[in-house]
């Protein structure tokens, strides 16, 4: 019975890609420490919908080794066509020391 359910779900995903893919996906493209002490994060946003999105954004927390947020900054991409990708980046301030990683939360608007 489980095999039948999996087969139906797989077939539905093939016939309707919107079921298989999130409307918008976010990938971490780059994360690096710069010589001036700041940290840069670059995100790749993919619009998996059939319509343009006026705004895709993410709130990114720059985290210390203990996992606590040191600062939070937005990354924005505007006017992303259907099926297209867009990139955005931001930098942690130089005075924010101890950044080890970042964690981002995706937001998008489809007006």
PDB file of N, CA and C in Angstrom:
ATOM      1  N   UNK A   1       0.825  -1.200   0.000  1.00  0.00           N
ATOM      2  CA  UNK A   1       0.000   0.000   0.000  1.00  0.00           C
ATOM      3  C   UNK A   1       0.868   1.263   0.000  1.00  0.00           C
ATOM      4  N   UNK A   2       1.947   1.251   0.808  1.00  0.00           N
ATOM      5  CA  UNK A   2       2.825   2.408   0.851  1.00  0.00           C
ATOM      6  C   UNK A   2       3.461   2.690  -0.501  1.00  0.00           C
ATOM      7  N   UNK A   3       3.823   1.637  -1.221  1.00  0.00           N
ATOM      8  CA  UNK A   3       4.420   1.830  -2.544  1.00  0.00           C
ATOM      9  C   UNK A   3       3.449   2.529  -3.486  1.00  0.00           C
ATOM     10  N   UNK A   4       2.177   2.192  -3.392  1.00  0.00           N
ATOM     11  CA  UNK A   4       1.169   2.832  -4.228  1.00  0.00           C
ATOM     12  C   UNK A   4       1.069   4.316  -3.897  1.00  0.00           C
ATOM     13  N   UNK A   5       1.082   4.659  -2.613  1.00  0.00           N
ATOM     14  CA  UNK A   5       1.010   6.064  -2.215  1.00  0.00           C
ATOM     15  C   UNK A   5       2.228   6.836  -2.699  1.00  0.00           C
ATOM     16  N   UNK A   6       3.420   6.248  -2.572  1.00  0.00           N
ATOM     17  CA  UNK A   6       4.634   6.905  -3.054  1.00  0.00           C
ATOM     18  C   UNK A   6       4.594   7.100  -4.563  1.00  0.00           C
ATOM     19  N   UNK A   7       4.082   6.093  -5.278  1.00  0.00           N
ATOM     20  CA  UNK A   7       4.002   6.189  -6.743  1.00  0.00           C
ATOM     21  C   UNK A   7       3.038   7.291  -7.159  1.00  0.00           C
ATOM     22  N   UNK A   8       1.904   7.411  -6.476  1.00  0.00           N
ATOM     23  CA  UNK A   8       0.929   8.461  -6.785  1.00  0.00           C
ATOM     24  C   UNK A   8       1.526   9.832  -6.489  1.00  0.00           C
ATOM     25  N   UNK A   9       2.223   9.976  -5.365  1.00  0.00           N
ATOM     26  CA  UNK A   9       2.846  11.254  -5.016  1.00  0.00           C
ATOM     27  C   UNK A   9       3.923  11.628  -6.029  1.00  0.00           C
ATOM     28  N   UNK A  10       4.716  10.665  -6.455  1.00  0.00           N
ATOM     29  CA  UNK A  10       5.765  10.942  -7.448  1.00  0.00           C
ATOM     30  C   UNK A  10       5.157  11.339  -8.776  1.00  0.00           C
ATOM     31  N   UNK A  11       4.102  10.664  -9.195  1.00  0.00           N
ATOM     32  CA  UNK A  11       3.433  10.998 -10.456  1.00  0.00           C
ATOM     33  C   UNK A  11       2.822  12.391 -10.383  1.00  0.00           C
ATOM     34  N   UNK A  12       2.217  12.735  -9.265  1.00  0.00           N
ATOM     35  CA  UNK A  12       1.633  14.071  -9.105  1.00  0.00           C
ATOM     36  C   UNK A  12       2.707  15.141  -9.189  1.00  0.00           C
ATOM     37  N   UNK A  13       3.862  14.871  -8.609  1.00  0.00           N
ATOM     38  CA  UNK A  13       4.957  15.843  -8.646  1.00  0.00           C
ATOM     39  C   UNK A  13       5.482  16.036 -10.064  1.00  0.00           C
ATOM     40  N   UNK A  14       5.517  14.967 -10.847  1.00  0.00           N
ATOM     41  CA  UNK A  14       5.979  15.074 -12.235  1.00  0.00           C
ATOM     42  C   UNK A  14       4.969  15.838 -13.078  1.00  0.00           C
ATOM     43  N   UNK A  15       3.686  15.557 -12.883  1.00  0.00           N
ATOM     44  CA  UNK A  15       2.647  16.208 -13.677  1.00  0.00           C
ATOM     45  C   UNK A  15       2.432  17.657 -13.273  1.00  0.00           C
ATOM     46  N   UNK A  16       2.683  17.987 -12.023  1.00  0.00           N
ATOM     47  CA  UNK A  16       2.499  19.345 -11.537  1.00  0.00           C
ATOM     48  C   UNK A  16       3.740  19.757 -10.760  1.00  0.00           C
ATOM     49  N   UNK A  17       4.738  20.369 -11.428  1.00  0.00           N
ATOM     50  CA  UNK A  17       5.985  20.727 -10.755  1.00  0.00           C
ATOM     51  C   UNK A  17       5.797  21.650  -9.558  1.00  0.00           C
ATOM     52  N   UNK A  18       4.718  22.422  -9.527  1.00  0.00           N
ATOM     53  CA  UNK A  18       4.486  23.322  -8.392  1.00  0.00           C
ATOM     54  C   UNK A  18       4.337  22.546  -7.091  1.00  0.00           C
ATOM     55  N   UNK A  19       3.868  21.295  -7.187  1.00  0.00           N
ATOM     56  CA  UNK A  19       3.746  20.470  -5.993  1.00  0.00           C
ATOM     57  C   UNK A  19       5.132  20.076  -5.491  1.00  0.00           C
ATOM     58  N   UNK A  20       6.034  19.801  -6.435  1.00  0.00           N
ATOM     59  CA  UNK A  20       7.361  19.294  -6.078  1.00  0.00           C
ATOM     60  C   UNK A  20       8.288  20.394  -5.585  1.00  0.00           C
ATOM     61  N   UNK A  21       8.125  21.603  -6.081  1.00  0.00           N
ATOM     62  CA  UNK A  21       9.079  22.669  -5.755  1.00  0.00           C
ATOM     63  C   UNK A  21       8.412  23.733  -4.890  1.00  0.00           C
ATOM     64  N   UNK A  22       9.213  24.322  -4.016  1.00  0.00           N
ATOM     65  CA  UNK A  22       8.738  25.469  -3.260  1.00  0.00           C
ATOM     66  C   UNK A  22       8.572  26.637  -4.223  1.00  0.00           C
ATOM     67  N   UNK A  23       7.646  27.552  -3.951  1.00  0.00           N
ATOM     68  CA  UNK A  23       7.464  28.698  -4.847  1.00  0.00           C
ATOM     69  C   UNK A  23       8.749  29.502  -5.031  1.00  0.00           C
ATOM     70  N   UNK A  24       9.507  29.646  -3.962  1.00  0.00           N
ATOM     71  CA  UNK A  24      10.786  30.355  -4.013  1.00  0.00           C
ATOM     72  C   UNK A  24      11.789  29.529  -3.218  1.00  0.00           C
ATOM     73  N   UNK A  25      12.980  29.377  -3.777  1.00  0.00           N
ATOM     74  CA  UNK A  25      14.031  28.683  -3.034  1.00  0.00           C
ATOM     75  C   UNK A  25      15.195  29.624  -2.785  1.00  0.00           C
ATOM     76  N   UNK A  26      15.916  29.329  -1.747  1.00  0.00           N
ATOM     77  CA  UNK A  26      17.054  30.134  -1.321  1.00  0.00           C
ATOM     78  C   UNK A  26      18.253  29.205  -1.185  1.00  0.00           C
ATOM     79  N   UNK A  27      19.373  29.618  -1.747  1.00  0.00           N
ATOM     80  CA  UNK A  27      20.616  28.864  -1.605  1.00  0.00           C
ATOM     81  C   UNK A  27      21.698  29.806  -1.086  1.00  0.00           C
ATOM     82  N   UNK A  28      22.558  29.278  -0.237  1.00  0.00           N
ATOM     83  CA  UNK A  28      23.713  30.037   0.232  1.00  0.00           C
ATOM     84  C   UNK A  28      24.786  29.919  -0.837  1.00  0.00           C
ATOM     85  N   UNK A  29      25.059  30.994  -1.539  1.00  0.00           N
ATOM     86  CA  UNK A  29      26.010  30.992  -2.647  1.00  0.00           C
ATOM     87  C   UNK A  29      27.439  31.205  -2.160  1.00  0.00           C
ATOM     88  N   UNK A  30      27.619  32.075  -1.145  1.00  0.00           N
ATOM     89  CA  UNK A  30      28.959  32.358  -0.655  1.00  0.00           C
ATOM     90  C   UNK A  30      28.874  32.933   0.758  1.00  0.00           C
ATOM     91  N   UNK A  31      29.872  32.634   1.560  1.00  0.00           N
ATOM     92  CA  UNK A  31      30.005  33.176   2.910  1.00  0.00           C
ATOM     93  C   UNK A  31      31.501  33.319   3.155  1.00  0.00           C
ATOM     94  N   UNK A  32      31.952  34.548   3.373  1.00  0.00           N
ATOM     95  CA  UNK A  32      33.391  34.753   3.532  1.00  0.00           C
ATOM     96  C   UNK A  32      33.703  35.903   4.475  1.00  0.00           C
ATOM     97  N   UNK A  33      34.846  35.775   5.131  1.00  0.00           N
ATOM     98  CA  UNK A  33      35.357  36.853   5.970  1.00  0.00           C
ATOM     99  C   UNK A  33      36.274  37.709   5.114  1.00  0.00           C
ATOM    100  N   UNK A  34      36.087  39.013   5.175  1.00  0.00           N
ATOM    101  CA  UNK A  34      36.856  39.941   4.362  1.00  0.00           C
ATOM    102  C   UNK A  34      38.051  40.487   5.141  1.00  0.00           C
ATOM    103  N   UNK A  35      39.066  40.985   4.434  1.00  0.00           N
ATOM    104  CA  UNK A  35      40.262  41.512   5.113  1.00  0.00           C
ATOM    105  C   UNK A  35      39.968  42.650   6.095  1.00  0.00           C
ATOM    106  N   UNK A  36      38.881  43.401   5.852  1.00  0.00           N
ATOM    107  CA  UNK A  36      38.566  44.525   6.743  1.00  0.00           C
ATOM    108  C   UNK A  36      37.827  44.101   8.013  1.00  0.00           C
ATOM    109  N   UNK A  37      37.585  42.792   8.178  1.00  0.00           N
ATOM    110  CA  UNK A  37      36.922  42.294   9.383  1.00  0.00           C
ATOM    111  C   UNK A  37      35.444  42.017   9.220  1.00  0.00           C
ATOM    112  N   UNK A  38      34.837  42.510   8.159  1.00  0.00           N
ATOM    113  CA  UNK A  38      33.420  42.247   7.902  1.00  0.00           C
ATOM    114  C   UNK A  38      33.250  40.830   7.351  1.00  0.00           C
ATOM    115  N   UNK A  39      32.029  40.343   7.372  1.00  0.00           N
ATOM    116  CA  UNK A  39      31.681  39.054   6.793  1.00  0.00           C
ATOM    117  C   UNK A  39      30.640  39.295   5.716  1.00  0.00           C
ATOM    118  N   UNK A  40      30.813  38.663   4.555  1.00  0.00           N
ATOM    119  CA  UNK A  40      29.858  38.806   3.455  1.00  0.00           C
ATOM    120  C   UNK A  40      29.095  37.507   3.271  1.00  0.00           C
ATOM    121  N   UNK A  41      27.803  37.641   3.005  1.00  0.00           N
ATOM    122  CA  UNK A  41      26.984  36.501   2.614  1.00  0.00           C
ATOM    123  C   UNK A  41      26.302  36.835   1.296  1.00  0.00           C
ATOM    124  N   UNK A  42      26.300  35.875   0.374  1.00  0.00           N
ATOM    125  CA  UNK A  42      25.646  36.016  -0.921  1.00  0.00           C
ATOM    126  C   UNK A  42      24.592  34.917  -1.019  1.00  0.00           C
ATOM    127  N   UNK A  43      23.369  35.306  -1.366  1.00  0.00           N
ATOM    128  CA  UNK A  43      22.270  34.357  -1.518  1.00  0.00           C
ATOM    129  C   UNK A  43      21.810  34.296  -2.961  1.00  0.00           C
ATOM    130  N   UNK A  44      21.327  33.136  -3.356  1.00  0.00           N
ATOM    131  CA  UNK A  44      20.728  32.930  -4.674  1.00  0.00           C
ATOM    132  C   UNK A  44      19.253  32.606  -4.448  1.00  0.00           C
ATOM    133  N   UNK A  45      18.378  33.444  -5.007  1.00  0.00           N
ATOM    134  CA  UNK A  45      16.936  33.243  -4.928  1.00  0.00           C
ATOM    135  C   UNK A  45      16.443  32.693  -6.264  1.00  0.00           C
ATOM    136  N   UNK A  46      15.590  31.684  -6.253  1.00  0.00           N
ATOM    137  CA  UNK A  46      15.008  31.140  -7.474  1.00  0.00           C
ATOM    138  C   UNK A  46      13.496  31.265  -7.396  1.00  0.00           C
ATOM    139  N   UNK A  47      12.916  31.912  -8.405  1.00  0.00           N
ATOM    140  CA  UNK A  47      11.466  32.055  -8.505  1.00  0.00           C
ATOM    141  C   UNK A  47      10.948  30.840  -9.283  1.00  0.00           C
ATOM    142  N   UNK A  48      10.375  29.876  -8.581  1.00  0.00           N
ATOM    143  CA  UNK A  48       9.858  28.655  -9.200  1.00  0.00           C
ATOM    144  C   UNK A  48       8.400  28.783  -9.614  1.00  0.00           C
ATOM    145  N   UNK A  49       7.841  29.977  -9.567  1.00  0.00           N
ATOM    146  CA  UNK A  49       6.443  30.174  -9.919  1.00  0.00           C
ATOM    147  C   UNK A  49       6.316  30.517 -11.406  1.00  0.00           C
ATOM    148  N   UNK A  50       5.088  30.636 -11.852  1.00  0.00           N
ATOM    149  CA  UNK A  50       4.822  30.999 -13.249  1.00  0.00           C
ATOM    150  C   UNK A  50       4.537  32.490 -13.408  1.00  0.00           C
ATOM    151  N   UNK A  51       4.810  33.273 -12.369  1.00  0.00           N
ATOM    152  CA  UNK A  51       4.584  34.719 -12.458  1.00  0.00           C
ATOM    153  C   UNK A  51       5.759  35.469 -11.839  1.00  0.00           C
ATOM    154  N   UNK A  52       5.969  36.714 -12.255  1.00  0.00           N
ATOM    155  CA  UNK A  52       7.064  37.489 -11.668  1.00  0.00           C
ATOM    156  C   UNK A  52       6.773  37.833 -10.207  1.00  0.00           C
ATOM    157  N   UNK A  53       7.827  37.939  -9.440  1.00  0.00           N
ATOM    158  CA  UNK A  53       7.694  38.349  -8.039  1.00  0.00           C
ATOM    159  C   UNK A  53       8.344  39.711  -7.875  1.00  0.00           C
ATOM    160  N   UNK A  54       7.605  40.645  -7.295  1.00  0.00           N
ATOM    161  CA  UNK A  54       8.114  42.000  -7.148  1.00  0.00           C
ATOM    162  C   UNK A  54       9.240  42.090  -6.123  1.00  0.00           C
ATOM    163  N   UNK A  55       9.207  41.223  -5.118  1.00  0.00           N
ATOM    164  CA  UNK A  55      10.200  41.304  -4.056  1.00  0.00           C
ATOM    165  C   UNK A  55      10.423  39.927  -3.452  1.00  0.00           C
ATOM    166  N   UNK A  56      11.677  39.548  -3.376  1.00  0.00           N
ATOM    167  CA  UNK A  56      12.087  38.368  -2.612  1.00  0.00           C
ATOM    168  C   UNK A  56      13.128  38.873  -1.631  1.00  0.00           C
ATOM    169  N   UNK A  57      13.008  38.469  -0.387  1.00  0.00           N
ATOM    170  CA  UNK A  57      13.990  38.922   0.586  1.00  0.00           C
ATOM    171  C   UNK A  57      14.255  37.830   1.614  1.00  0.00           C
ATOM    172  N   UNK A  58      15.302  38.040   2.346  1.00  0.00           N
ATOM    173  CA  UNK A  58      15.647  37.139   3.443  1.00  0.00           C
ATOM    174  C   UNK A  58      16.204  37.974   4.575  1.00  0.00           C
ATOM    175  N   UNK A  59      15.869  37.594   5.780  1.00  0.00           N
ATOM    176  CA  UNK A  59      16.484  38.175   6.964  1.00  0.00           C
ATOM    177  C   UNK A  59      17.583  37.213   7.378  1.00  0.00           C
ATOM    178  N   UNK A  60      18.810  37.710   7.431  1.00  0.00           N
ATOM    179  CA  UNK A  60      19.957  36.866   7.735  1.00  0.00           C
ATOM    180  C   UNK A  60      20.562  37.240   9.076  1.00  0.00           C
ATOM    181  N   UNK A  61      20.637  36.259   9.961  1.00  0.00           N
ATOM    182  CA  UNK A  61      21.271  36.440  11.259  1.00  0.00           C
ATOM    183  C   UNK A  61      22.715  35.990  11.137  1.00  0.00           C
ATOM    184  N   UNK A  62      23.631  36.861  11.536  1.00  0.00           N
ATOM    185  CA  UNK A  62      25.047  36.515  11.617  1.00  0.00           C
ATOM    186  C   UNK A  62      25.270  35.966  13.022  1.00  0.00           C
ATOM    187  N   UNK A  63      25.746  34.725  13.097  1.00  0.00           N
ATOM    188  CA  UNK A  63      25.821  34.001  14.361  1.00  0.00           C
ATOM    189  C   UNK A  63      27.252  33.826  14.834  1.00  0.00           C
ATOM    190  N   UNK A  64      27.426  33.840  16.144  1.00  0.00           N
ATOM    191  CA  UNK A  64      28.715  33.560  16.749  1.00  0.00           C
ATOM    192  C   UNK A  64      28.903  32.061  16.914  1.00  0.00           C
ATOM    193  N   UNK A  65      30.034  31.655  17.450  1.00  0.00           N
ATOM    194  CA  UNK A  65      30.348  30.237  17.648  1.00  0.00           C
ATOM    195  C   UNK A  65      29.339  29.553  18.566  1.00  0.00           C
ATOM    196  N   UNK A  66      28.724  30.316  19.476  1.00  0.00           N
ATOM    197  CA  UNK A  66      27.742  29.755  20.399  1.00  0.00           C
ATOM    198  C   UNK A  66      26.350  29.650  19.785  1.00  0.00           C
ATOM    199  N   UNK A  67      26.200  30.072  18.512  1.00  0.00           N
ATOM    200  CA  UNK A  67      24.916  30.000  17.830  1.00  0.00           C
ATOM    201  C   UNK A  67      24.000  31.173  18.098  1.00  0.00           C
ATOM    202  N   UNK A  68      24.451  32.134  18.881  1.00  0.00           N
ATOM    203  CA  UNK A  68      23.631  33.314  19.187  1.00  0.00           C
ATOM    204  C   UNK A  68      23.817  34.370  18.103  1.00  0.00           C
ATOM    205  N   UNK A  69      22.722  35.063  17.791  1.00  0.00           N
ATOM    206  CA  UNK A  69      22.749  36.097  16.761  1.00  0.00           C
ATOM    207  C   UNK A  69      23.520  37.319  17.257  1.00  0.00           C
ATOM    208  N   UNK A  70      24.443  37.778  16.418  1.00  0.00           N
ATOM    209  CA  UNK A  70      25.215  38.981  16.720  1.00  0.00           C
ATOM    210  C   UNK A  70      24.592  40.204  16.052  1.00  0.00           C
ATOM    211  N   UNK A  71      23.998  40.013  14.880  1.00  0.00           N
ATOM    212  CA  UNK A  71      23.268  41.060  14.178  1.00  0.00           C
ATOM    213  C   UNK A  71      22.384  40.390  13.135  1.00  0.00           C
ATOM    214  N   UNK A  72      21.361  41.113  12.677  1.00  0.00           N
ATOM    215  CA  UNK A  72      20.452  40.608  11.650  1.00  0.00           C
ATOM    216  C   UNK A  72      20.341  41.673  10.564  1.00  0.00           C
ATOM    217  N   UNK A  73      20.498  41.234   9.310  1.00  0.00           N
ATOM    218  CA  UNK A  73      20.433  42.158   8.178  1.00  0.00           C
ATOM    219  C   UNK A  73      19.595  41.561   7.053  1.00  0.00           C
ATOM    220  N   UNK A  74      18.918  42.410   6.278  1.00  0.00           N
ATOM    221  CA  UNK A  74      18.119  41.905   5.149  1.00  0.00           C
ATOM    222  C   UNK A  74      18.958  41.771   3.879  1.00  0.00           C
ATOM    223  N   UNK A  75      18.515  40.868   3.009  1.00  0.00           N
ATOM    224  CA  UNK A  75      19.030  40.753   1.639  1.00  0.00           C
ATOM    225  C   UNK A  75      17.815  40.777   0.735  1.00  0.00           C
ATOM    226  N   UNK A  76      17.860  41.602  -0.320  1.00  0.00           N
ATOM    227  CA  UNK A  76      16.684  41.832  -1.158  1.00  0.00           C
ATOM    228  C   UNK A  76      17.009  41.617  -2.631  1.00  0.00           C
ATOM    229  N   UNK A  77      16.053  41.019  -3.357  1.00  0.00           N
ATOM    230  CA  UNK A  77      16.088  40.943  -4.816  1.00  0.00           C
ATOM    231  C   UNK A  77      14.724  41.423  -5.302  1.00  0.00           C
ATOM    232  N   UNK A  78      14.716  42.281  -6.315  1.00  0.00           N
ATOM    233  CA  UNK A  78      13.467  42.847  -6.806  1.00  0.00           C
ATOM    234  C   UNK A  78      13.192  42.426  -8.236  1.00  0.00           C
ATOM    235  N   UNK A  79      11.894  42.345  -8.575  1.00  0.00           N
ATOM    236  CA  UNK A  79      11.419  42.074  -9.936  1.00  0.00           C
ATOM    237  C   UNK A  79      12.079  40.835 -10.534  1.00  0.00           C
ATOM    238  N   UNK A  80      11.833  39.697  -9.896  1.00  0.00           N
ATOM    239  CA  UNK A  80      12.406  38.433 -10.339  1.00  0.00           C
ATOM    240  C   UNK A  80      11.387  37.732 -11.233  1.00  0.00           C
ATOM    241  N   UNK A  81      11.741  37.561 -12.510  1.00  0.00           N
ATOM    242  CA  UNK A  81      10.838  36.955 -13.488  1.00  0.00           C
ATOM    243  C   UNK A  81      10.555  35.498 -13.142  1.00  0.00           C
ATOM    244  N   UNK A  82       9.456  34.996 -13.667  1.00  0.00           N
ATOM    245  CA  UNK A  82       9.075  33.599 -13.464  1.00  0.00           C
ATOM    246  C   UNK A  82      10.187  32.678 -13.950  1.00  0.00           C
ATOM    247  N   UNK A  83      10.550  31.710 -13.119  1.00  0.00           N
ATOM    248  CA  UNK A  83      11.564  30.740 -13.490  1.00  0.00           C
ATOM    249  C   UNK A  83      12.990  31.248 -13.478  1.00  0.00           C
ATOM    250  N   UNK A  84      13.214  32.466 -13.038  1.00  0.00           N
ATOM    251  CA  UNK A  84      14.552  33.066 -13.067  1.00  0.00           C
ATOM    252  C   UNK A  84      15.192  33.071 -11.679  1.00  0.00           C
ATOM    253  N   UNK A  85      16.482  33.357 -11.664  1.00  0.00           N
ATOM    254  CA  UNK A  85      17.219  33.477 -10.407  1.00  0.00           C
ATOM    255  C   UNK A  85      17.683  34.921 -10.224  1.00  0.00           C
ATOM    256  N   UNK A  86      17.912  35.281  -8.990  1.00  0.00           N
ATOM    257  CA  UNK A  86      18.452  36.601  -8.652  1.00  0.00           C
ATOM    258  C   UNK A  86      19.396  36.410  -7.473  1.00  0.00           C
ATOM    259  N   UNK A  87      20.364  37.293  -7.385  1.00  0.00           N
ATOM    260  CA  UNK A  87      21.357  37.220  -6.322  1.00  0.00           C
ATOM    261  C   UNK A  87      21.287  38.482  -5.471  1.00  0.00           C
ATOM    262  N   UNK A  88      21.634  38.337  -4.215  1.00  0.00           N
ATOM    263  CA  UNK A  88      21.727  39.474  -3.322  1.00  0.00           C
ATOM    264  C   UNK A  88      22.793  39.205  -2.280  1.00  0.00           C
ATOM    265  N   UNK A  89      23.331  40.271  -1.717  1.00  0.00           N
ATOM    266  CA  UNK A  89      24.346  40.090  -0.689  1.00  0.00           C
ATOM    267  C   UNK A  89      24.222  41.164   0.383  1.00  0.00           C
ATOM    268  N   UNK A  90      24.894  40.917   1.491  1.00  0.00           N
ATOM    269  CA  UNK A  90      25.007  41.899   2.552  1.00  0.00           C
ATOM    270  C   UNK A  90      26.290  41.619   3.321  1.00  0.00           C
ATOM    271  N   UNK A  91      26.700  42.599   4.104  1.00  0.00           N
ATOM    272  CA  UNK A  91      27.927  42.522   4.881  1.00  0.00           C
ATOM    273  C   UNK A  91      27.609  42.783   6.344  1.00  0.00           C
ATOM    274  N   UNK A  92      28.220  42.003   7.212  1.00  0.00           N
ATOM    275  CA  UNK A  92      28.109  42.327   8.635  1.00  0.00           C
ATOM    276  C   UNK A  92      28.980  43.552   8.896  1.00  0.00           C
ATOM    277  N   UNK A  93      28.597  44.388   9.837  1.00  0.00           N
ATOM    278  CA  UNK A  93      29.449  45.528  10.175  1.00  0.00           C
ATOM    279  C   UNK A  93      30.808  45.038  10.693  1.00  0.00           C
ATOM    280  N   UNK A  94      31.856  45.815  10.433  1.00  0.00           N
ATOM    281  CA  UNK A  94      33.213  45.440  10.868  1.00  0.00           C
ATOM    282  C   UNK A  94      33.325  45.309  12.379  1.00  0.00           C
ATOM    283  N   UNK A  95      32.531  46.100  13.105  1.00  0.00           N
ATOM    284  CA  UNK A  95      32.644  46.064  14.563  1.00  0.00           C
ATOM    285  C   UNK A  95      31.976  44.831  15.181  1.00  0.00           C
ATOM    286  N   UNK A  96      31.223  44.074  14.379  1.00  0.00           N
ATOM    287  CA  UNK A  96      30.606  42.842  14.875  1.00  0.00           C
ATOM    288  C   UNK A  96      31.636  41.723  14.721  1.00  0.00           C
ATOM    289  N   UNK A  97      32.260  41.341  15.824  1.00  0.00           N
ATOM    290  CA  UNK A  97      33.337  40.349  15.771  1.00  0.00           C
ATOM    291  C   UNK A  97      32.817  38.975  16.201  1.00  0.00           C
ATOM    292  N   UNK A  98      33.472  37.950  15.709  1.00  0.00           N
ATOM    293  CA  UNK A  98      33.136  36.589  16.112  1.00  0.00           C
ATOM    294  C   UNK A  98      32.087  35.914  15.245  1.00  0.00           C
ATOM    295  N   UNK A  99      31.800  36.451  14.075  1.00  0.00           N
ATOM    296  CA  UNK A  99      30.817  35.824  13.189  1.00  0.00           C
ATOM    297  C   UNK A  99      31.399  34.515  12.665  1.00  0.00           C
ATOM    298  N   UNK A 100      30.658  33.434  12.853  1.00  0.00           N
ATOM    299  CA  UNK A 100      31.097  32.117  12.386  1.00  0.00           C
ATOM    300  C   UNK A 100      30.235  31.574  11.260  1.00  0.00           C
ATOM    301  N   UNK A 101      28.976  31.962  11.227  1.00  0.00           N
ATOM    302  CA  UNK A 101      28.062  31.480  10.190  1.00  0.00           C
ATOM    303  C   UNK A 101      26.860  32.406  10.127  1.00  0.00           C
ATOM    304  N   UNK A 102      26.000  32.131   9.160  1.00  0.00           N
ATOM    305  CA  UNK A 102      24.768  32.920   9.020  1.00  0.00           C
ATOM    306  C   UNK A 102      23.600  31.974   8.820  1.00  0.00           C
ATOM    307  N   UNK A 103      22.445  32.422   9.218  1.00  0.00           N
ATOM    308  CA  UNK A 103      21.218  31.663   9.022  1.00  0.00           C
ATOM    309  C   UNK A 103      20.173  32.634   8.497  1.00  0.00           C
ATOM    310  N   UNK A 104      19.536  32.280   7.373  1.00  0.00           N
ATOM    311  CA  UNK A 104      18.610  33.203   6.719  1.00  0.00           C
ATOM    312  C   UNK A 104      17.197  32.634   6.674  1.00  0.00           C
ATOM    313  N   UNK A 105      16.227  33.532   6.772  1.00  0.00           N
ATOM    314  CA  UNK A 105      14.809  33.183   6.678  1.00  0.00           C
ATOM    315  C   UNK A 105      14.240  33.877   5.458  1.00  0.00           C
ATOM    316  N   UNK A 106      13.657  33.100   4.566  1.00  0.00           N
ATOM    317  CA  UNK A 106      13.138  33.579   3.283  1.00  0.00           C
ATOM    318  C   UNK A 106      11.776  34.249   3.450  1.00  0.00           C
ATOM    319  N   UNK A 107      11.598  35.363   2.695  1.00  0.00           N
ATOM    320  CA  UNK A 107      10.299  36.032   2.600  1.00  0.00           C
ATOM    321  C   UNK A 107      10.112  36.417   1.132  1.00  0.00           C
ATOM    322  N   UNK A 108       8.894  36.356   0.629  1.00  0.00           N
ATOM    323  CA  UNK A 108       8.652  36.822  -0.727  1.00  0.00           C
ATOM    324  C   UNK A 108       7.238  37.367  -0.841  1.00  0.00           C
ATOM    325  N   UNK A 109       7.042  38.214  -1.841  1.00  0.00           N
ATOM    326  CA  UNK A 109       5.763  38.868  -2.069  1.00  0.00           C
ATOM    327  C   UNK A 109       5.360  38.619  -3.511  1.00  0.00           C
ATOM    328  N   UNK A 110       4.131  38.210  -3.715  1.00  0.00           N
ATOM    329  CA  UNK A 110       3.692  37.900  -5.081  1.00  0.00           C
ATOM    330  C   UNK A 110       2.523  38.784  -5.526  1.00  0.00           C
ATOM    331  N   UNK A 111       2.641  40.077  -5.273  1.00  0.00           N
ATOM    332  CA  UNK A 111       1.548  40.988  -5.657  1.00  0.00           C
ATOM    333  C   UNK A 111       1.566  41.324  -7.117  1.00  0.00           C
TER     334      UNK A 111
END
